[in-house]
N, C-alpha and C. Protein backbone atom coordinates (compact mmCIF):
# COMPACT_ATOMS: atom_id res chain seq x y z
N MET A 1 2.40 93.50 27.96
CA MET A 1 1.03 93.39 27.50
C MET A 1 0.17 92.85 28.63
N GLY A 2 -0.99 93.48 28.89
CA GLY A 2 -1.88 93.04 29.94
C GLY A 2 -2.73 91.86 29.51
N LEU A 3 -3.35 91.26 30.48
CA LEU A 3 -4.24 90.13 30.20
C LEU A 3 -5.63 90.65 29.87
N ASP A 4 -6.28 89.99 28.95
CA ASP A 4 -7.66 90.33 28.58
C ASP A 4 -8.59 89.66 29.59
N PRO A 5 -9.29 90.44 30.43
CA PRO A 5 -10.14 89.83 31.45
C PRO A 5 -11.31 89.05 30.87
N ASP A 6 -11.61 89.25 29.58
CA ASP A 6 -12.74 88.58 28.95
C ASP A 6 -12.32 87.34 28.14
N MET A 7 -10.99 87.03 28.09
CA MET A 7 -10.59 85.84 27.33
C MET A 7 -11.16 84.60 27.99
N ARG A 8 -11.51 83.62 27.18
CA ARG A 8 -12.09 82.37 27.67
C ARG A 8 -11.00 81.50 28.26
N CYS A 9 -11.22 81.05 29.49
CA CYS A 9 -10.23 80.25 30.20
C CYS A 9 -10.90 79.09 30.92
N THR A 10 -10.09 78.11 31.27
CA THR A 10 -10.52 76.99 32.09
C THR A 10 -9.55 76.85 33.24
N ALA A 11 -10.08 76.64 34.44
CA ALA A 11 -9.26 76.53 35.64
C ALA A 11 -9.38 75.13 36.23
N PHE A 12 -8.26 74.64 36.74
CA PHE A 12 -8.18 73.35 37.41
C PHE A 12 -7.41 73.52 38.71
N VAL A 13 -7.68 72.67 39.68
CA VAL A 13 -6.81 72.51 40.83
C VAL A 13 -6.34 71.06 40.74
N GLY A 14 -5.06 70.90 40.50
CA GLY A 14 -4.54 69.57 40.19
C GLY A 14 -5.21 69.09 38.91
N THR A 15 -5.85 67.93 38.96
CA THR A 15 -6.55 67.42 37.78
C THR A 15 -8.07 67.64 37.88
N ARG A 16 -8.51 68.31 38.94
CA ARG A 16 -9.94 68.55 39.16
C ARG A 16 -10.38 69.85 38.48
N PHE A 17 -11.39 69.75 37.63
CA PHE A 17 -11.95 70.90 36.95
C PHE A 17 -12.60 71.85 37.95
N LEU A 18 -12.34 73.15 37.77
CA LEU A 18 -12.98 74.16 38.62
C LEU A 18 -14.03 74.96 37.86
N ALA A 19 -13.63 75.55 36.72
CA ALA A 19 -14.55 76.45 36.02
C ALA A 19 -14.08 76.73 34.61
N THR A 20 -15.04 77.07 33.77
CA THR A 20 -14.77 77.60 32.44
C THR A 20 -15.54 78.90 32.33
N GLY A 21 -14.90 79.90 31.77
CA GLY A 21 -15.55 81.21 31.60
C GLY A 21 -14.50 82.24 31.25
N THR A 22 -14.78 83.47 31.60
CA THR A 22 -13.80 84.52 31.36
C THR A 22 -12.59 84.31 32.27
N LEU A 23 -11.52 84.99 31.98
CA LEU A 23 -10.34 84.91 32.85
C LEU A 23 -10.71 85.29 34.27
N VAL A 24 -11.51 86.32 34.43
CA VAL A 24 -11.91 86.76 35.77
C VAL A 24 -12.69 85.64 36.48
N GLU A 25 -13.63 85.02 35.78
CA GLU A 25 -14.42 83.94 36.39
C GLU A 25 -13.55 82.75 36.77
N ALA A 26 -12.62 82.39 35.89
CA ALA A 26 -11.72 81.26 36.17
C ALA A 26 -10.81 81.59 37.36
N ALA A 27 -10.28 82.81 37.38
CA ALA A 27 -9.39 83.21 38.47
C ALA A 27 -10.13 83.24 39.80
N LEU A 28 -11.35 83.74 39.80
CA LEU A 28 -12.12 83.80 41.05
C LEU A 28 -12.50 82.40 41.53
N ALA A 29 -12.75 81.48 40.61
CA ALA A 29 -13.01 80.10 41.00
C ALA A 29 -11.76 79.48 41.62
N ALA A 30 -10.61 79.78 41.06
CA ALA A 30 -9.35 79.28 41.61
C ALA A 30 -9.11 79.87 43.00
N ARG A 31 -9.38 81.15 43.14
CA ARG A 31 -9.22 81.82 44.44
C ARG A 31 -10.17 81.21 45.48
N ALA A 32 -11.40 80.91 45.07
CA ALA A 32 -12.38 80.29 45.98
C ALA A 32 -11.89 78.91 46.42
N ALA A 33 -11.28 78.16 45.52
CA ALA A 33 -10.74 76.85 45.88
C ALA A 33 -9.64 77.00 46.93
N GLN A 34 -8.79 78.01 46.75
CA GLN A 34 -7.74 78.27 47.75
C GLN A 34 -8.37 78.63 49.09
N ASP A 35 -9.37 79.50 49.05
CA ASP A 35 -10.03 79.93 50.29
C ASP A 35 -10.70 78.76 51.00
N ALA A 36 -11.15 77.76 50.23
CA ALA A 36 -11.80 76.59 50.81
C ALA A 36 -10.80 75.58 51.36
N GLY A 37 -9.50 75.90 51.24
CA GLY A 37 -8.48 75.05 51.81
C GLY A 37 -7.85 74.07 50.84
N ASP A 38 -8.22 74.17 49.57
CA ASP A 38 -7.63 73.28 48.57
C ASP A 38 -6.20 73.75 48.29
N ASP A 39 -5.22 72.90 48.61
CA ASP A 39 -3.83 73.32 48.46
C ASP A 39 -3.15 72.70 47.24
N GLY A 40 -3.95 72.17 46.29
CA GLY A 40 -3.39 71.63 45.06
C GLY A 40 -2.89 72.74 44.16
N LEU A 41 -2.13 72.36 43.16
CA LEU A 41 -1.63 73.34 42.19
C LEU A 41 -2.78 73.86 41.35
N ILE A 42 -2.80 75.17 41.16
CA ILE A 42 -3.83 75.83 40.36
C ILE A 42 -3.31 76.00 38.94
N PHE A 43 -4.13 75.63 37.97
CA PHE A 43 -3.80 75.82 36.56
C PHE A 43 -4.94 76.56 35.90
N ILE A 44 -4.60 77.61 35.16
CA ILE A 44 -5.59 78.35 34.36
C ILE A 44 -5.06 78.36 32.93
N PHE A 45 -5.90 77.91 31.99
CA PHE A 45 -5.48 77.82 30.60
C PHE A 45 -6.34 78.70 29.71
N ASN A 46 -5.71 79.36 28.75
CA ASN A 46 -6.40 80.11 27.71
C ASN A 46 -7.01 79.08 26.77
N GLU A 47 -8.32 79.12 26.59
CA GLU A 47 -8.99 78.11 25.75
C GLU A 47 -8.61 78.23 24.28
N ALA A 48 -8.30 79.43 23.81
CA ALA A 48 -7.98 79.63 22.39
C ALA A 48 -6.61 79.07 22.03
N THR A 49 -5.66 79.17 22.96
CA THR A 49 -4.28 78.78 22.65
C THR A 49 -3.83 77.53 23.38
N GLY A 50 -4.50 77.19 24.47
CA GLY A 50 -4.07 76.07 25.30
C GLY A 50 -2.92 76.42 26.23
N ARG A 51 -2.45 77.65 26.17
CA ARG A 51 -1.33 78.08 27.01
C ARG A 51 -1.79 78.40 28.43
N ALA A 52 -0.88 78.17 29.35
CA ALA A 52 -1.15 78.53 30.75
C ALA A 52 -1.17 80.05 30.88
N VAL A 53 -2.03 80.53 31.77
CA VAL A 53 -2.13 81.96 32.05
C VAL A 53 -1.67 82.16 33.49
N ASP A 54 -0.72 83.06 33.68
CA ASP A 54 -0.18 83.34 35.00
C ASP A 54 -1.02 84.44 35.65
N VAL A 55 -1.68 84.09 36.74
CA VAL A 55 -2.56 85.03 37.44
C VAL A 55 -2.12 85.11 38.90
N ASP A 56 -2.01 86.33 39.39
CA ASP A 56 -1.65 86.57 40.79
C ASP A 56 -2.91 86.45 41.64
N LEU A 57 -3.01 85.39 42.42
CA LEU A 57 -4.20 85.14 43.24
C LEU A 57 -4.03 85.60 44.69
N ARG A 58 -2.97 86.33 44.97
CA ARG A 58 -2.74 86.79 46.35
C ARG A 58 -3.73 87.89 46.74
N GLY A 59 -3.96 87.96 48.03
CA GLY A 59 -4.79 89.03 48.57
C GLY A 59 -6.27 88.71 48.51
N PRO A 60 -7.09 89.68 48.92
CA PRO A 60 -8.54 89.47 48.92
C PRO A 60 -9.08 89.37 47.49
N VAL A 61 -10.28 88.84 47.38
CA VAL A 61 -10.92 88.66 46.07
C VAL A 61 -10.97 89.97 45.29
N GLU A 62 -11.24 91.07 45.98
CA GLU A 62 -11.32 92.37 45.31
C GLU A 62 -9.98 92.74 44.67
N ALA A 63 -8.88 92.38 45.32
CA ALA A 63 -7.55 92.66 44.77
C ALA A 63 -7.28 91.83 43.54
N VAL A 64 -7.68 90.56 43.57
CA VAL A 64 -7.51 89.68 42.41
C VAL A 64 -8.31 90.24 41.24
N ARG A 65 -9.56 90.57 41.50
CA ARG A 65 -10.43 91.13 40.45
C ARG A 65 -9.84 92.44 39.91
N GLY A 66 -9.36 93.29 40.79
CA GLY A 66 -8.79 94.57 40.38
C GLY A 66 -7.56 94.43 39.48
N ARG A 67 -6.72 93.44 39.77
CA ARG A 67 -5.54 93.23 38.93
C ARG A 67 -5.90 92.76 37.53
N LEU A 68 -7.06 92.14 37.39
CA LEU A 68 -7.47 91.61 36.09
C LEU A 68 -8.36 92.55 35.30
N ALA A 69 -8.86 93.59 35.96
CA ALA A 69 -9.78 94.55 35.29
C ALA A 69 -9.04 95.42 34.31
């Protein structure tokens, strides 16, 4: 089953809040944190269930966005 790119998610790097929004928005915020040199653990949570969402953040931003579309 694929991920819903429009599901509401919240992203953190370590314990620092990054973003709340769609899965795509949360993933891109996490990717931006990585690009900025933040090497903390990235966590993205589904707001409806509280479960962690596994997102592949490798490659350029366009690749990350494409995998979630």
